[in-house]
Protein backbone atom coordinates (compact mmCIF):
# COMPACT_ATOMS: atom_id res chain seq x y z
CA MET A 1 22.07 -2.98 -7.20
CA ASN A 2 21.65 0.45 -8.49
CA LYS A 3 18.75 3.17 -8.50
CA GLU A 4 16.80 0.98 -10.98
CA ASP A 5 17.14 -2.40 -9.99
CA HIS A 6 16.24 -0.93 -6.05
CA ILE A 7 12.94 0.67 -7.87
CA GLU A 8 12.26 -2.81 -9.90
CA TYR A 9 12.25 -4.66 -6.92
CA TRP A 10 9.82 -2.53 -4.96
CA LYS A 11 7.62 -2.87 -8.20
CA ALA A 12 7.52 -6.66 -8.22
CA GLU A 13 7.24 -6.88 -4.77
CA ALA A 14 4.05 -4.50 -4.92
CA GLU A 15 2.67 -6.60 -8.09
CA ASP A 16 2.97 -9.58 -5.65
CA SER A 17 1.34 -8.13 -2.68
CA TRP A 18 -1.49 -6.95 -5.11
CA GLU A 19 -2.14 -10.36 -6.28
CA SER A 20 -1.66 -11.92 -3.12
CA ALA A 21 -4.63 -9.82 -2.07
CA LEU A 22 -6.98 -11.07 -4.88
CA VAL A 23 -6.19 -14.30 -4.35
CA LEU A 24 -7.15 -13.89 -0.41
CA MET A 25 -10.34 -11.60 -1.59
CA ASN A 26 -11.69 -14.85 -3.50
CA ASN A 27 -11.35 -16.95 -0.67
CA ARG A 28 -13.02 -14.48 1.78
CA LYS A 29 -9.77 -13.44 3.91
CA TYR A 30 -10.82 -9.94 3.66
CA LEU A 31 -8.59 -8.44 6.60
CA MET A 32 -5.84 -10.27 5.14
CA ALA A 33 -6.42 -8.96 1.98
CA ALA A 34 -6.70 -5.72 3.05
CA PHE A 35 -3.03 -5.96 4.58
CA CYS A 36 -1.76 -6.85 1.45
CA PHE A 37 -3.16 -4.09 -0.33
CA HIS A 38 -1.89 -1.77 2.10
CA LEU A 39 1.67 -3.68 1.75
CA CYS A 40 1.36 -3.04 -2.47
CA ILE A 41 0.89 0.53 -1.63
CA GLU A 42 3.34 0.92 0.75
CA LYS A 43 5.65 -0.97 -1.50
CA LEU A 44 4.89 1.45 -4.40
CA LEU A 45 5.61 4.54 -2.23
CA LYS A 46 8.89 3.01 -1.18
CA GLY A 47 9.96 2.38 -4.90
CA CYS A 48 8.73 6.32 -5.43
CA TRP A 49 10.80 7.10 -2.45
CA VAL A 50 13.85 5.47 -4.10
CA LYS A 51 13.03 7.34 -7.19
CA THR A 52 13.22 10.77 -5.63
CA ASN A 53 15.79 10.54 -2.93
CA THR A 54 19.77 10.05 -3.30
CA GLU A 55 19.50 6.69 -1.04
CA ASN A 56 18.27 3.50 -2.62
CA TYR A 57 16.82 2.26 0.91
CA PRO A 58 13.68 3.71 1.80
CA PRO A 59 12.74 4.48 5.86
CA ARG A 60 11.77 1.37 7.64
CA THR A 61 8.04 2.35 7.96
CA HIS A 62 4.52 1.45 7.42
CA ASN A 63 2.98 4.88 7.55
CA LEU A 64 1.68 5.90 3.76
CA ILE A 65 1.47 9.38 4.34
CA TYR A 66 4.69 9.57 5.63
CA LEU A 67 6.37 7.84 2.66
CA HIS A 68 4.01 9.87 0.39
CA ASP A 69 5.40 13.28 1.93
CA GLU A 70 9.04 12.14 2.23
CA SER A 71 9.01 11.13 -1.60
CA LYS A 72 7.64 14.51 -2.73
CA LEU A 73 4.91 13.48 -4.58
CA ASN A 74 2.20 15.94 -4.07
CA LEU A 75 -0.32 13.90 -5.03
CA PRO A 76 -4.27 14.88 -4.76
CA GLU A 77 -5.73 15.47 -1.26
CA LYS A 78 -8.33 12.80 -2.00
CA MET A 79 -5.80 10.15 -2.31
CA GLN A 80 -3.80 11.64 0.64
CA LYS A 81 -6.90 11.16 2.94
CA ASP A 82 -7.26 7.62 1.15
CA PHE A 83 -3.96 6.73 2.40
CA ILE A 84 -5.00 7.71 6.13
CA ILE A 85 -7.71 4.86 5.62
CA ILE A 86 -5.15 2.29 4.05
CA ASN A 87 -2.77 2.98 6.98
CA THR A 88 -5.52 1.55 9.60
CA TRP A 89 -5.02 -1.96 7.46
CA ASN A 90 -1.44 -2.20 8.62
CA LEU A 91 -1.53 -5.36 10.88
CA GLU A 92 2.39 -5.30 12.09
CA GLY A 93 1.85 -5.71 16.12
CA ARG A 94 -1.63 -4.73 16.48
CA TYR A 95 -3.15 -5.83 19.69
CA PRO A 96 -5.56 -8.91 19.21
CA GLU A 97 -8.81 -6.50 20.06
CA TYR A 98 -7.82 -3.98 17.47
CA LYS A 99 -7.59 -6.80 14.57
CA GLU A 100 -11.10 -7.97 16.22
CA ARG A 101 -12.54 -4.47 15.28
CA LEU A 102 -11.01 -4.34 11.87
CA ILE A 103 -12.45 -7.87 11.45
CA LYS A 104 -15.97 -6.66 12.10
CA THR A 105 -15.36 -3.87 9.68
CA ILE A 106 -13.72 -5.25 6.53
CA ASP A 107 -15.74 -7.58 4.40
CA LYS A 108 -16.69 -7.82 1.16
CA SER A 109 -18.75 -5.20 0.21
CA TYR A 110 -16.21 -2.67 2.29
CA LEU A 111 -13.17 -3.90 0.17
CA ASP A 112 -15.67 -4.07 -3.04
CA SER A 113 -16.29 -0.35 -2.24
CA LYS A 114 -12.49 0.25 -1.80
CA PHE A 115 -11.13 -1.44 -4.59
CA GLU A 116 -11.90 1.21 -7.35
CA THR A 117 -9.91 3.75 -5.49
CA LEU A 118 -6.91 1.15 -4.80
CA GLN A 119 -6.69 0.37 -8.61
CA LYS A 120 -6.55 4.17 -8.99
CA ILE A 121 -3.81 4.60 -6.33
CA LYS A 122 -1.99 1.84 -7.76
CA LEU A 123 -2.00 2.90 -11.41
CA CYS A 124 -1.04 6.32 -10.22
CA LEU A 125 2.14 5.31 -8.34
CA GLN A 126 2.95 2.91 -11.23
CA GLU A 127 2.84 6.19 -13.51
CA LYS A 128 5.31 7.49 -11.08
CA LEU A 129 7.76 5.04 -11.29
CA GLN A 130 7.99 4.95 -15.20
């Protein structure tokens, strides 16, 4: 695979995660929907990392701030602050009490309030990958 193939892979994976998040939202699985939104943004950032670095394999991290910084994107400060919030939606290796706390805070109204921001971030990152 060449660099473009790697970027296309991350774009397609991100779109799959986005679609999964929408299905989960529609089925009132809000915590998992948030997790899939995080995955979408993470995968787009990994595509950006591949585009701006010589290697084709991005770091094995889920930290959106780190991926942003290593991709040399310099996105608006507001968007970078949103990454901090979205980072909390990553569930890998989380202890049950952490998940329980998230379940209590991530509901339909919460995700609805974040949806426009998520769409803006997704569109911005997709544009960076053109």
